[in-house]
Amino acid sequence: MIKQLIDNHFASHYKLGRVVTIDENHTTDSRFDLNENSGTAIVAFGSGSASFENDAQRDITVLDYEGYIDKYSGTQFHAGRMKCDCILESETGSTVILDEITSSVSGIENLQKPITGKKEYPGGKFEKVEQQLLMSLQTLHDVPEIAHHLDSQLKRVCLCSYKLYTSDTMALIGDPVTAFTRGMTEAERQSGENGVKISCPQIEALGFEYRRISHAFAYSI
């Protein structure tokens, strides 16, 4: 499984003097959420920031990839290295998902508002998420042992999970069939639990799909 490969080969490949392990959690729940605050955690369905369906109730491993990379803080390797929130993997060794969770106040249009400053993203948070997922995938895929494992999976997905809030109370926007889908493209509304597939040649070149899904839906693992 990918945890053992990261623990055993990642630091040596990048010649890191600091050897650390990646934190993991497990669930067999048929539906669950992830919460990104203070490390990616598995929480009750509907109460987090990204929802998943696991109808077969397989053992799903959730690895805190962002927390793992941050354990190398202060090193040249860590400086400026973008990372996604977590990695999900099924016990059957057939599914691997790199997930980055983001959010917007008032509407999806704020996720597309340009980010300016030291590092600019004309496409807003959506563009930044894509880059976080791409660099995470590249970082993992550059380790031969991990690349071999990733390439053996049947379902390989880089996933952007996003959640919408109201502007005044930061409470969830209510009705999932109306307000939650306001501002989505028709493709996103129709994609539902599969998420909408978005073209990203760099991610696809590494054998992964790039998909985006609203918290209005639960991504089917």
N, C-alpha and C. Protein backbone atom coordinates (compact mmCIF):
# COMPACT_ATOMS: atom_id res chain seq x y z
N MET A 1 0.84 -1.20 0.00
CA MET A 1 0.00 0.00 0.00
C MET A 1 0.88 1.25 0.00
N ILE A 2 0.27 2.36 -0.38
CA ILE A 2 1.07 3.57 -0.62
C ILE A 2 1.70 4.13 0.65
N LYS A 3 1.08 3.93 1.82
CA LYS A 3 1.70 4.42 3.06
C LYS A 3 3.08 3.82 3.25
N GLN A 4 3.18 2.49 3.11
CA GLN A 4 4.45 1.83 3.31
C GLN A 4 5.49 2.29 2.28
N LEU A 5 5.04 2.52 1.07
CA LEU A 5 5.96 2.97 0.02
C LEU A 5 6.48 4.38 0.32
N ILE A 6 5.60 5.25 0.80
CA ILE A 6 6.02 6.61 1.16
C ILE A 6 6.98 6.54 2.35
N ASP A 7 6.59 5.80 3.39
CA ASP A 7 7.44 5.71 4.58
C ASP A 7 8.82 5.13 4.27
N ASN A 8 8.88 4.18 3.34
CA ASN A 8 10.14 3.46 3.08
C ASN A 8 11.01 4.07 1.98
N HIS A 9 10.42 4.80 1.05
CA HIS A 9 11.19 5.21 -0.13
C HIS A 9 11.23 6.72 -0.39
N PHE A 10 10.27 7.47 0.14
CA PHE A 10 10.17 8.90 -0.19
C PHE A 10 11.40 9.68 0.25
N ALA A 11 11.74 9.58 1.52
CA ALA A 11 12.85 10.38 2.05
C ALA A 11 14.18 10.01 1.40
N SER A 12 14.40 8.71 1.17
CA SER A 12 15.67 8.29 0.57
C SER A 12 15.77 8.76 -0.88
N HIS A 13 14.65 8.73 -1.61
CA HIS A 13 14.68 9.18 -3.00
C HIS A 13 15.06 10.65 -3.09
N TYR A 14 14.48 11.47 -2.20
CA TYR A 14 14.76 12.91 -2.24
C TYR A 14 15.97 13.30 -1.37
N LYS A 15 16.67 12.28 -0.85
CA LYS A 15 17.89 12.50 -0.05
C LYS A 15 17.61 13.45 1.12
N LEU A 16 16.54 13.15 1.83
CA LEU A 16 16.14 13.95 2.98
C LEU A 16 16.72 13.32 4.24
N GLY A 17 17.45 14.10 5.01
CA GLY A 17 18.04 13.57 6.23
C GLY A 17 17.01 13.29 7.30
N ARG A 18 15.85 13.89 7.17
CA ARG A 18 14.79 13.73 8.16
C ARG A 18 13.84 12.64 7.67
N VAL A 19 13.76 11.55 8.40
CA VAL A 19 12.87 10.46 8.03
C VAL A 19 11.62 10.51 8.91
N VAL A 20 10.47 10.72 8.30
CA VAL A 20 9.21 10.82 9.03
C VAL A 20 8.21 9.85 8.41
N THR A 21 7.09 9.66 9.07
CA THR A 21 6.04 8.79 8.54
C THR A 21 4.80 9.60 8.23
N ILE A 22 3.98 9.09 7.34
CA ILE A 22 2.75 9.77 6.95
C ILE A 22 1.60 9.26 7.81
N ASP A 23 0.82 10.17 8.36
CA ASP A 23 -0.30 9.82 9.23
C ASP A 23 -1.46 9.26 8.41
N GLU A 24 -2.15 8.28 8.97
CA GLU A 24 -3.25 7.64 8.26
C GLU A 24 -4.46 7.45 9.17
N ASN A 25 -5.63 7.41 8.53
CA ASN A 25 -6.88 7.05 9.18
C ASN A 25 -7.61 6.07 8.28
N HIS A 26 -8.52 5.31 8.86
CA HIS A 26 -9.26 4.31 8.09
C HIS A 26 -10.76 4.45 8.34
N THR A 27 -11.55 4.06 7.35
CA THR A 27 -13.00 3.96 7.53
C THR A 27 -13.56 2.88 6.61
N THR A 28 -14.61 2.23 7.08
CA THR A 28 -15.37 1.30 6.24
C THR A 28 -16.80 1.80 6.08
N ASP A 29 -17.06 3.04 6.49
CA ASP A 29 -18.41 3.60 6.38
C ASP A 29 -18.84 3.70 4.93
N SER A 30 -20.11 3.50 4.68
CA SER A 30 -20.63 3.59 3.32
C SER A 30 -20.68 5.03 2.83
N ARG A 31 -20.76 5.97 3.76
CA ARG A 31 -20.71 7.40 3.43
C ARG A 31 -19.95 8.11 4.54
N PHE A 32 -19.05 9.01 4.15
CA PHE A 32 -18.27 9.75 5.14
C PHE A 32 -17.81 11.07 4.55
N ASP A 33 -17.36 11.96 5.41
CA ASP A 33 -16.82 13.25 5.01
C ASP A 33 -15.37 13.37 5.44
N LEU A 34 -14.67 14.30 4.80
CA LEU A 34 -13.33 14.70 5.22
C LEU A 34 -13.37 16.15 5.65
N ASN A 35 -12.63 16.46 6.68
CA ASN A 35 -12.49 17.82 7.19
C ASN A 35 -11.02 18.17 7.14
N GLU A 36 -10.68 19.33 6.57
CA GLU A 36 -9.27 19.67 6.36
C GLU A 36 -8.65 20.48 7.50
N ASN A 37 -9.43 20.84 8.50
CA ASN A 37 -8.90 21.67 9.59
C ASN A 37 -7.96 20.86 10.48
N SER A 38 -6.74 21.41 10.70
CA SER A 38 -5.73 20.76 11.55
C SER A 38 -5.44 19.33 11.09
N GLY A 39 -5.22 19.17 9.81
CA GLY A 39 -4.96 17.85 9.26
C GLY A 39 -6.25 17.22 8.78
N THR A 40 -6.16 16.46 7.70
CA THR A 40 -7.36 15.86 7.13
C THR A 40 -7.88 14.77 8.06
N ALA A 41 -9.16 14.90 8.46
CA ALA A 41 -9.77 13.95 9.38
C ALA A 41 -11.05 13.40 8.79
N ILE A 42 -11.37 12.15 9.14
CA ILE A 42 -12.62 11.53 8.73
C ILE A 42 -13.69 11.93 9.73
N VAL A 43 -14.80 12.48 9.25
CA VAL A 43 -15.89 12.93 10.11
C VAL A 43 -17.21 12.39 9.58
N ALA A 44 -18.28 12.62 10.32
CA ALA A 44 -19.60 12.12 9.94
C ALA A 44 -20.05 12.69 8.61
N PHE A 45 -20.78 11.90 7.86
CA PHE A 45 -21.25 12.30 6.53
C PHE A 45 -22.05 13.60 6.62
N GLY A 46 -21.69 14.56 5.77
CA GLY A 46 -22.38 15.83 5.71
C GLY A 46 -21.84 16.89 6.64
N SER A 47 -20.93 16.51 7.55
CA SER A 47 -20.46 17.47 8.55
C SER A 47 -19.09 18.06 8.21
N GLY A 48 -18.48 17.59 7.13
CA GLY A 48 -17.15 18.07 6.78
C GLY A 48 -17.14 18.96 5.57
N SER A 49 -16.09 18.85 4.77
CA SER A 49 -15.92 19.71 3.61
C SER A 49 -15.91 18.97 2.29
N ALA A 50 -15.80 17.64 2.33
CA ALA A 50 -15.82 16.82 1.12
C ALA A 50 -16.50 15.50 1.47
N SER A 51 -17.46 15.09 0.64
CA SER A 51 -18.24 13.88 0.92
C SER A 51 -17.87 12.75 -0.04
N PHE A 52 -17.91 11.51 0.48
CA PHE A 52 -17.57 10.33 -0.32
C PHE A 52 -18.58 9.21 -0.07
N GLU A 53 -18.81 8.42 -1.11
CA GLU A 53 -19.63 7.22 -1.00
C GLU A 53 -18.73 6.00 -1.17
N ASN A 54 -18.95 5.02 -0.30
CA ASN A 54 -18.16 3.80 -0.31
C ASN A 54 -19.14 2.63 -0.17
N ASP A 55 -19.97 2.46 -1.19
CA ASP A 55 -21.08 1.51 -1.11
C ASP A 55 -20.63 0.09 -0.78
N ALA A 56 -19.47 -0.31 -1.25
CA ALA A 56 -18.98 -1.66 -0.98
C ALA A 56 -18.41 -1.80 0.43
N GLN A 57 -18.36 -0.68 1.15
CA GLN A 57 -17.82 -0.65 2.52
C GLN A 57 -16.43 -1.29 2.61
N ARG A 58 -15.61 -0.95 1.63
CA ARG A 58 -14.21 -1.37 1.66
C ARG A 58 -13.46 -0.55 2.70
N ASP A 59 -12.32 -1.05 3.12
CA ASP A 59 -11.47 -0.30 4.03
C ASP A 59 -10.77 0.79 3.23
N ILE A 60 -11.11 2.04 3.53
CA ILE A 60 -10.52 3.18 2.83
C ILE A 60 -9.48 3.83 3.74
N THR A 61 -8.26 3.95 3.22
CA THR A 61 -7.19 4.64 3.94
C THR A 61 -7.15 6.09 3.50
N VAL A 62 -7.08 7.01 4.46
CA VAL A 62 -6.93 8.44 4.17
C VAL A 62 -5.59 8.88 4.75
N LEU A 63 -4.69 9.30 3.88
CA LEU A 63 -3.34 9.72 4.27
C LEU A 63 -3.25 11.24 4.27
N ASP A 64 -2.71 11.79 5.35
CA ASP A 64 -2.56 13.24 5.48
C ASP A 64 -1.31 13.70 4.74
N TYR A 65 -1.43 13.88 3.42
CA TYR A 65 -0.28 14.21 2.60
C TYR A 65 0.26 15.61 2.91
N GLU A 66 -0.62 16.57 3.10
CA GLU A 66 -0.15 17.92 3.42
C GLU A 66 0.63 17.92 4.73
N GLY A 67 0.10 17.24 5.74
CA GLY A 67 0.80 17.16 7.02
C GLY A 67 2.14 16.47 6.89
N TYR A 68 2.21 15.47 6.01
CA TYR A 68 3.47 14.75 5.79
C TYR A 68 4.53 15.67 5.18
N ILE A 69 4.16 16.38 4.13
CA ILE A 69 5.12 17.29 3.50
C ILE A 69 5.56 18.38 4.47
N ASP A 70 4.63 18.85 5.30
CA ASP A 70 4.97 19.90 6.26
C ASP A 70 5.90 19.41 7.36
N LYS A 71 6.04 18.10 7.53
CA LYS A 71 7.02 17.58 8.49
C LYS A 71 8.45 17.85 8.03
N TYR A 72 8.61 18.23 6.76
CA TYR A 72 9.93 18.58 6.23
C TYR A 72 10.14 20.10 6.22
N SER A 73 9.31 20.82 6.98
CA SER A 73 9.44 22.27 7.05
C SER A 73 10.85 22.68 7.45
N GLY A 74 11.36 23.72 6.78
CA GLY A 74 12.70 24.20 7.06
C GLY A 74 13.76 23.63 6.13
N THR A 75 13.36 22.67 5.29
CA THR A 75 14.30 22.09 4.33
C THR A 75 14.11 22.74 2.96
N GLN A 76 15.11 22.61 2.12
CA GLN A 76 15.01 23.13 0.76
C GLN A 76 13.90 22.40 -0.01
N PHE A 77 13.75 21.12 0.29
CA PHE A 77 12.70 20.33 -0.36
C PHE A 77 11.32 20.92 -0.09
N HIS A 78 11.08 21.38 1.12
CA HIS A 78 9.76 21.87 1.51
C HIS A 78 9.47 23.26 0.94
N ALA A 79 10.48 24.09 0.80
CA ALA A 79 10.29 25.48 0.43
C ALA A 79 9.56 25.62 -0.90
N GLY A 80 8.39 26.23 -0.88
CA GLY A 80 7.63 26.49 -2.10
C GLY A 80 6.95 25.28 -2.71
N ARG A 81 7.04 24.13 -2.06
CA ARG A 81 6.46 22.91 -2.64
C ARG A 81 4.96 22.87 -2.37
N MET A 82 4.18 22.87 -3.43
CA MET A 82 2.73 22.80 -3.28
C MET A 82 2.31 21.36 -2.99
N LYS A 83 1.24 21.22 -2.22
CA LYS A 83 0.78 19.88 -1.86
C LYS A 83 -0.74 19.88 -1.71
N CYS A 84 -1.33 18.73 -2.01
CA CYS A 84 -2.76 18.57 -1.82
C CYS A 84 -3.02 18.16 -0.37
N ASP A 85 -4.30 18.09 0.00
CA ASP A 85 -4.64 17.77 1.38
C ASP A 85 -4.37 16.32 1.74
N CYS A 86 -4.84 15.40 0.89
CA CYS A 86 -4.78 14.00 1.31
C CYS A 86 -4.78 13.04 0.13
N ILE A 87 -4.50 11.78 0.45
CA ILE A 87 -4.56 10.68 -0.51
C ILE A 87 -5.54 9.65 0.04
N LEU A 88 -6.46 9.20 -0.79
CA LEU A 88 -7.37 8.12 -0.41
C LEU A 88 -7.02 6.88 -1.22
N GLU A 89 -7.04 5.73 -0.56
CA GLU A 89 -6.72 4.48 -1.25
C GLU A 89 -7.62 3.38 -0.73
N SER A 90 -8.12 2.54 -1.63
CA SER A 90 -8.97 1.42 -1.22
C SER A 90 -8.13 0.21 -0.85
N GLU A 91 -8.66 -0.62 0.04
CA GLU A 91 -7.94 -1.81 0.50
C GLU A 91 -7.67 -2.79 -0.64
N THR A 92 -8.49 -2.73 -1.69
CA THR A 92 -8.32 -3.67 -2.79
C THR A 92 -7.15 -3.29 -3.69
N GLY A 93 -6.57 -2.11 -3.46
CA GLY A 93 -5.45 -1.69 -4.29
C GLY A 93 -5.86 -1.34 -5.70
N SER A 94 -7.12 -0.93 -5.89
CA SER A 94 -7.60 -0.63 -7.23
C SER A 94 -7.95 0.84 -7.42
N THR A 95 -7.96 1.63 -6.34
CA THR A 95 -8.37 3.02 -6.41
C THR A 95 -7.43 3.90 -5.62
N VAL A 96 -6.98 5.00 -6.23
CA VAL A 96 -6.20 6.01 -5.51
C VAL A 96 -6.69 7.38 -5.94
N ILE A 97 -6.91 8.25 -4.96
CA ILE A 97 -7.43 9.59 -5.19
C ILE A 97 -6.56 10.59 -4.46
N LEU A 98 -6.06 11.59 -5.17
CA LEU A 98 -5.42 12.74 -4.54
C LEU A 98 -6.49 13.82 -4.44
N ASP A 99 -6.74 14.31 -3.23
CA ASP A 99 -7.84 15.25 -3.02
C ASP A 99 -7.34 16.56 -2.43
N GLU A 100 -7.84 17.66 -2.98
CA GLU A 100 -7.61 18.99 -2.43
C GLU A 100 -8.96 19.63 -2.19
N ILE A 101 -9.15 20.13 -0.97
CA ILE A 101 -10.43 20.71 -0.56
C ILE A 101 -10.30 22.23 -0.54
N THR A 102 -11.29 22.91 -1.12
CA THR A 102 -11.30 24.36 -1.11
C THR A 102 -12.73 24.83 -0.84
N SER A 103 -12.90 26.13 -0.66
CA SER A 103 -14.23 26.65 -0.33
C SER A 103 -14.40 28.06 -0.87
N SER A 104 -15.66 28.50 -0.87
CA SER A 104 -15.99 29.83 -1.38
C SER A 104 -17.13 30.41 -0.57
N VAL A 105 -17.07 31.71 -0.31
CA VAL A 105 -18.16 32.43 0.33
C VAL A 105 -19.04 33.03 -0.76
N SER A 106 -20.33 32.82 -0.65
CA SER A 106 -21.38 33.41 -1.50
C SER A 106 -21.61 32.68 -2.82
N GLY A 107 -20.60 32.13 -3.45
CA GLY A 107 -20.88 31.47 -4.71
C GLY A 107 -19.63 30.93 -5.38
N ILE A 108 -19.86 30.10 -6.36
CA ILE A 108 -18.75 29.44 -7.06
C ILE A 108 -17.89 30.45 -7.81
N GLU A 109 -18.47 31.61 -8.16
CA GLU A 109 -17.70 32.60 -8.91
C GLU A 109 -16.49 33.08 -8.12
N ASN A 110 -16.57 33.04 -6.78
CA ASN A 110 -15.43 33.47 -5.97
C ASN A 110 -14.26 32.48 -6.05
N LEU A 111 -14.55 31.25 -6.44
CA LEU A 111 -13.48 30.28 -6.62
C LEU A 111 -12.71 30.53 -7.91
N GLN A 112 -13.30 31.35 -8.78
CA GLN A 112 -12.67 31.67 -10.06
C GLN A 112 -12.11 33.09 -10.09
N LYS A 113 -12.21 33.80 -8.97
CA LYS A 113 -11.72 35.17 -8.89
C LYS A 113 -10.19 35.15 -8.85
N PRO A 114 -9.52 35.95 -9.69
CA PRO A 114 -8.05 35.92 -9.75
C PRO A 114 -7.41 36.16 -8.38
N ILE A 115 -6.36 35.42 -8.09
CA ILE A 115 -5.56 35.60 -6.88
C ILE A 115 -4.31 36.37 -7.26
N THR A 116 -4.08 37.47 -6.56
CA THR A 116 -2.91 38.30 -6.85
C THR A 116 -2.00 38.34 -5.62
N GLY A 117 -0.78 38.76 -5.84
CA GLY A 117 0.17 38.83 -4.74
C GLY A 117 1.49 38.24 -5.15
N LYS A 118 2.20 37.65 -4.17
CA LYS A 118 3.52 37.09 -4.45
C LYS A 118 3.44 36.01 -5.53
N LYS A 119 2.38 35.20 -5.47
CA LYS A 119 2.16 34.20 -6.49
C LYS A 119 0.76 34.37 -7.02
N GLU A 120 0.63 34.55 -8.32
CA GLU A 120 -0.66 34.88 -8.90
C GLU A 120 -1.29 33.67 -9.59
N TYR A 121 -2.63 33.61 -9.48
CA TYR A 121 -3.41 32.57 -10.15
C TYR A 121 -4.58 33.25 -10.83
N PRO A 122 -4.44 33.57 -12.12
CA PRO A 122 -5.52 34.26 -12.84
C PRO A 122 -6.84 33.52 -12.79
N GLY A 123 -6.78 32.19 -12.70
CA GLY A 123 -8.01 31.39 -12.64
C GLY A 123 -8.53 31.18 -11.24
N GLY A 124 -7.97 31.87 -10.26
CA GLY A 124 -8.47 31.81 -8.90
C GLY A 124 -8.12 30.53 -8.16
N LYS A 125 -8.94 30.21 -7.16
CA LYS A 125 -8.68 29.03 -6.33
C LYS A 125 -8.71 27.74 -7.15
N PHE A 126 -9.57 27.69 -8.16
CA PHE A 126 -9.63 26.48 -8.99
C PHE A 126 -8.29 26.23 -9.67
N GLU A 127 -7.65 27.30 -10.16
CA GLU A 127 -6.35 27.14 -10.80
C GLU A 127 -5.29 26.73 -9.78
N LYS A 128 -5.35 27.32 -8.58
CA LYS A 128 -4.38 26.96 -7.54
C LYS A 128 -4.53 25.50 -7.14
N VAL A 129 -5.77 25.05 -6.99
CA VAL A 129 -6.02 23.65 -6.63
C VAL A 129 -5.43 22.71 -7.68
N GLU A 130 -5.63 23.05 -8.95
CA GLU A 130 -5.09 22.22 -10.03
C GLU A 130 -3.58 22.10 -9.92
N GLN A 131 -2.92 23.22 -9.62
CA GLN A 131 -1.47 23.20 -9.48
C GLN A 131 -1.02 22.42 -8.25
N GLN A 132 -1.79 22.51 -7.16
CA GLN A 132 -1.46 21.74 -5.96
C GLN A 132 -1.55 20.24 -6.24
N LEU A 133 -2.58 19.84 -6.95
CA LEU A 133 -2.76 18.43 -7.27
C LEU A 133 -1.68 17.96 -8.24
N LEU A 134 -1.37 18.78 -9.23
CA LEU A 134 -0.36 18.40 -10.20
C LEU A 134 1.00 18.24 -9.55
N MET A 135 1.42 19.21 -8.73
CA MET A 135 2.73 19.10 -8.10
C MET A 135 2.78 17.93 -7.12
N SER A 136 1.68 17.66 -6.43
CA SER A 136 1.64 16.52 -5.51
C SER A 136 1.83 15.22 -6.29
N LEU A 137 1.12 15.11 -7.41
CA LEU A 137 1.23 13.91 -8.23
C LEU A 137 2.64 13.76 -8.79
N GLN A 138 3.22 14.86 -9.27
CA GLN A 138 4.58 14.81 -9.80
C GLN A 138 5.57 14.41 -8.72
N THR A 139 5.42 14.97 -7.53
CA THR A 139 6.33 14.66 -6.42
C THR A 139 6.28 13.17 -6.08
N LEU A 140 5.08 12.61 -6.03
CA LEU A 140 4.92 11.19 -5.72
C LEU A 140 5.42 10.32 -6.88
N HIS A 141 5.07 10.72 -8.10
CA HIS A 141 5.38 9.90 -9.27
C HIS A 141 6.86 9.87 -9.58
N ASP A 142 7.61 10.84 -9.09
CA ASP A 142 9.05 10.86 -9.31
C ASP A 142 9.78 9.79 -8.50
N VAL A 143 9.11 9.22 -7.50
CA VAL A 143 9.69 8.12 -6.72
C VAL A 143 9.33 6.82 -7.42
N PRO A 144 10.30 6.09 -8.00
CA PRO A 144 9.98 4.94 -8.84
C PRO A 144 9.07 3.90 -8.20
N GLU A 145 9.30 3.58 -6.93
CA GLU A 145 8.49 2.57 -6.25
C GLU A 145 7.04 3.03 -6.11
N ILE A 146 6.85 4.31 -5.83
CA ILE A 146 5.50 4.85 -5.70
C ILE A 146 4.84 4.95 -7.07
N ALA A 147 5.60 5.37 -8.07
CA ALA A 147 5.06 5.47 -9.43
C ALA A 147 4.55 4.13 -9.92
N HIS A 148 5.30 3.07 -9.66
CA HIS A 148 4.88 1.73 -10.09
C HIS A 148 3.55 1.36 -9.43
N HIS A 149 3.41 1.68 -8.15
CA HIS A 149 2.17 1.38 -7.44
C HIS A 149 1.00 2.20 -7.99
N LEU A 150 1.23 3.49 -8.20
CA LEU A 150 0.16 4.35 -8.74
C LEU A 150 -0.28 3.86 -10.11
N ASP A 151 0.67 3.51 -10.94
CA ASP A 151 0.35 3.07 -12.30
C ASP A 151 -0.43 1.76 -12.32
N SER A 152 -0.38 1.00 -11.23
CA SER A 152 -1.08 -0.29 -11.18
C SER A 152 -2.55 -0.15 -10.79
N GLN A 153 -2.97 1.04 -10.36
CA GLN A 153 -4.34 1.23 -9.91
C GLN A 153 -5.30 1.33 -11.10
N LEU A 154 -6.50 0.82 -10.93
CA LEU A 154 -7.49 0.90 -12.01
C LEU A 154 -8.13 2.28 -12.08
N LYS A 155 -8.39 2.88 -10.92
CA LYS A 155 -9.03 4.20 -10.85
C LYS A 155 -8.04 5.17 -10.24
N ARG A 156 -7.62 6.16 -11.03
CA ARG A 156 -6.61 7.13 -10.60
C ARG A 156 -7.16 8.52 -10.84
N VAL A 157 -7.39 9.26 -9.77
CA VAL A 157 -8.09 10.54 -9.88
C VAL A 157 -7.41 11.61 -9.04
N CYS A 158 -7.22 12.79 -9.63
CA CYS A 158 -6.92 14.01 -8.89
C CYS A 158 -8.24 14.75 -8.74
N LEU A 159 -8.65 15.01 -7.50
CA LEU A 159 -9.99 15.52 -7.24
C LEU A 159 -9.95 16.87 -6.53
N CYS A 160 -10.67 17.82 -7.09
CA CYS A 160 -10.90 19.12 -6.44
C CYS A 160 -12.27 19.06 -5.78
N SER A 161 -12.31 19.08 -4.45
CA SER A 161 -13.57 19.09 -3.71
C SER A 161 -13.82 20.52 -3.24
N TYR A 162 -15.00 21.07 -3.54
CA TYR A 162 -15.25 22.44 -3.10
C TYR A 162 -16.58 22.55 -2.36
N LYS A 163 -16.64 23.53 -1.45
CA LYS A 163 -17.79 23.73 -0.59
C LYS A 163 -18.17 25.20 -0.61
N LEU A 164 -19.46 25.49 -0.63
CA LEU A 164 -19.96 26.85 -0.68
C LEU A 164 -20.60 27.25 0.65
N TYR A 165 -20.34 28.49 1.06
CA TYR A 165 -20.90 29.03 2.30
C TYR A 165 -21.68 30.31 2.01
N THR A 166 -22.54 30.70 2.96
CA THR A 166 -23.16 32.02 2.88
C THR A 166 -22.15 33.05 3.35
N SER A 167 -22.33 34.30 2.98
CA SER A 167 -21.35 35.34 3.29
C SER A 167 -21.46 35.88 4.71
N ASP A 168 -22.65 35.81 5.32
CA ASP A 168 -22.82 36.45 6.62
C ASP A 168 -22.50 35.54 7.80
N THR A 169 -22.96 34.31 7.77
CA THR A 169 -22.80 33.43 8.93
C THR A 169 -21.80 32.31 8.71
N MET A 170 -21.31 32.16 7.48
CA MET A 170 -20.44 31.05 7.12
C MET A 170 -21.14 29.71 7.35
N ALA A 171 -22.47 29.76 7.36
CA ALA A 171 -23.24 28.52 7.45
C ALA A 171 -23.38 27.94 6.06
N LEU A 172 -23.65 26.66 6.01
CA LEU A 172 -23.83 26.03 4.72
C LEU A 172 -25.00 26.62 3.97
N ILE A 173 -24.85 26.77 2.65
CA ILE A 173 -25.98 27.12 1.81
C ILE A 173 -26.92 25.92 1.81
N GLY A 174 -28.21 26.19 2.03
CA GLY A 174 -29.16 25.14 2.38
C GLY A 174 -29.49 24.04 1.42
N ASP A 175 -30.45 24.20 0.56
CA ASP A 175 -31.03 23.11 -0.21
C ASP A 175 -30.07 22.61 -1.27
N PRO A 176 -29.63 21.35 -1.19
CA PRO A 176 -28.65 20.85 -2.15
C PRO A 176 -29.13 20.81 -3.59
N VAL A 177 -30.43 20.83 -3.82
CA VAL A 177 -30.90 20.77 -5.21
C VAL A 177 -31.14 22.16 -5.78
N THR A 178 -31.00 23.20 -4.96
CA THR A 178 -31.19 24.56 -5.47
C THR A 178 -29.96 25.42 -5.21
N ALA A 179 -29.82 25.90 -3.98
CA ALA A 179 -28.73 26.83 -3.68
C ALA A 179 -27.36 26.22 -3.87
N PHE A 180 -27.20 24.94 -3.50
CA PHE A 180 -25.91 24.31 -3.64
C PHE A 180 -25.46 24.23 -5.10
N THR A 181 -26.41 24.08 -6.00
CA THR A 181 -26.04 23.94 -7.39
C THR A 181 -26.07 25.26 -8.15
N ARG A 182 -26.42 26.33 -7.45
CA ARG A 182 -26.43 27.64 -8.11
C ARG A 182 -25.03 28.01 -8.54
N GLY A 183 -24.87 28.39 -9.78
CA GLY A 183 -23.56 28.79 -10.28
C GLY A 183 -22.74 27.67 -10.86
N MET A 184 -23.19 26.43 -10.68
CA MET A 184 -22.48 25.31 -11.31
C MET A 184 -22.71 25.32 -12.81
N THR A 185 -21.78 24.73 -13.52
CA THR A 185 -22.02 24.50 -14.93
C THR A 185 -23.01 23.34 -15.05
N GLU A 186 -23.65 23.24 -16.19
CA GLU A 186 -24.59 22.14 -16.40
C GLU A 186 -23.87 20.79 -16.28
N ALA A 187 -22.63 20.75 -16.73
CA ALA A 187 -21.87 19.50 -16.63
C ALA A 187 -21.68 19.09 -15.18
N GLU A 188 -21.43 20.06 -14.30
CA GLU A 188 -21.25 19.76 -12.89
C GLU A 188 -22.55 19.26 -12.26
N ARG A 189 -23.65 19.86 -12.63
CA ARG A 189 -24.94 19.42 -12.09
C ARG A 189 -25.25 17.99 -12.53
N GLN A 190 -24.93 17.66 -13.77
CA GLN A 190 -25.26 16.34 -14.29
C GLN A 190 -24.27 15.27 -13.84
N SER A 191 -23.06 15.68 -13.50
CA SER A 191 -22.03 14.69 -13.17
C SER A 191 -22.27 14.02 -11.84
N GLY A 192 -22.88 14.77 -10.89
CA GLY A 192 -23.23 14.20 -9.60
C GLY A 192 -22.06 13.54 -8.90
N GLU A 193 -22.25 12.27 -8.51
CA GLU A 193 -21.28 11.56 -7.69
C GLU A 193 -19.98 11.25 -8.41
N ASN A 194 -19.94 11.43 -9.73
CA ASN A 194 -18.71 11.18 -10.47
C ASN A 194 -17.81 12.41 -10.57
N GLY A 195 -18.37 13.59 -10.27
CA GLY A 195 -17.63 14.82 -10.47
C GLY A 195 -17.48 15.12 -11.94
N VAL A 196 -17.27 16.38 -12.27
CA VAL A 196 -17.11 16.74 -13.67
C VAL A 196 -15.65 16.55 -14.08
N LYS A 197 -15.43 15.92 -15.21
CA LYS A 197 -14.07 15.69 -15.71
C LYS A 197 -13.57 16.93 -16.42
N ILE A 198 -12.37 17.37 -16.05
CA ILE A 198 -11.78 18.59 -16.59
C ILE A 198 -10.46 18.24 -17.26
N SER A 199 -10.24 18.82 -18.41
CA SER A 199 -9.01 18.54 -19.15
C SER A 199 -7.80 19.17 -18.46
N CYS A 200 -6.80 18.35 -18.19
CA CYS A 200 -5.51 18.82 -17.68
C CYS A 200 -4.45 17.90 -18.24
N PRO A 201 -3.87 18.24 -19.40
CA PRO A 201 -2.91 17.35 -20.06
C PRO A 201 -1.75 16.90 -19.19
N GLN A 202 -1.27 17.76 -18.28
CA GLN A 202 -0.13 17.40 -17.44
C GLN A 202 -0.50 16.30 -16.44
N ILE A 203 -1.69 16.39 -15.88
CA ILE A 203 -2.16 15.34 -14.97
C ILE A 203 -2.44 14.06 -15.74
N GLU A 204 -3.06 14.21 -16.90
CA GLU A 204 -3.40 13.04 -17.72
C GLU A 204 -2.15 12.32 -18.21
N ALA A 205 -1.07 13.07 -18.44
CA ALA A 205 0.18 12.46 -18.90
C ALA A 205 0.77 11.52 -17.85
N LEU A 206 0.37 11.70 -16.59
CA LEU A 206 0.83 10.84 -15.51
C LEU A 206 -0.20 9.75 -15.19
N GLY A 207 -1.18 9.60 -16.07
CA GLY A 207 -2.13 8.50 -15.95
C GLY A 207 -3.33 8.75 -15.06
N PHE A 208 -3.55 9.99 -14.66
CA PHE A 208 -4.67 10.33 -13.78
C PHE A 208 -5.72 11.16 -14.51
N GLU A 209 -6.96 11.10 -14.04
CA GLU A 209 -8.01 12.01 -14.47
C GLU A 209 -8.03 13.20 -13.51
N TYR A 210 -8.52 14.33 -13.98
CA TYR A 210 -8.74 15.48 -13.11
C TYR A 210 -10.23 15.74 -13.06
N ARG A 211 -10.80 15.72 -11.84
CA ARG A 211 -12.23 15.93 -11.67
C ARG A 211 -12.49 16.96 -10.57
N ARG A 212 -13.66 17.59 -10.66
CA ARG A 212 -14.08 18.60 -9.69
C ARG A 212 -15.49 18.28 -9.23
N ILE A 213 -15.73 18.39 -7.90
CA ILE A 213 -17.04 18.04 -7.38
C ILE A 213 -17.44 18.97 -6.24
N SER A 214 -18.71 19.33 -6.22
CA SER A 214 -19.26 20.16 -5.15
C SER A 214 -19.61 19.30 -3.94
N HIS A 215 -19.58 19.89 -2.76
CA HIS A 215 -20.01 19.20 -1.54
C HIS A 215 -21.50 18.87 -1.58
N ALA A 216 -22.21 19.38 -2.56
CA ALA A 216 -23.60 18.99 -2.75
C ALA A 216 -23.71 17.52 -3.11
N PHE A 217 -22.62 16.94 -3.60
CA PHE A 217 -22.60 15.55 -4.02
C PHE A 217 -21.52 14.80 -3.24
N ALA A 218 -21.67 13.47 -3.19
CA ALA A 218 -20.67 12.61 -2.57
C ALA A 218 -19.93 11.86 -3.68
N TYR A 219 -18.62 12.03 -3.72
CA TYR A 219 -17.85 11.36 -4.76
C TYR A 219 -17.84 9.84 -4.52
N SER A 220 -18.14 9.08 -5.54
CA SER A 220 -18.21 7.62 -5.42
C SER A 220 -16.83 7.00 -5.60
N ILE A 221 -16.33 6.38 -4.55
CA ILE A 221 -15.01 5.75 -4.59
C ILE A 221 -15.08 4.42 -5.31
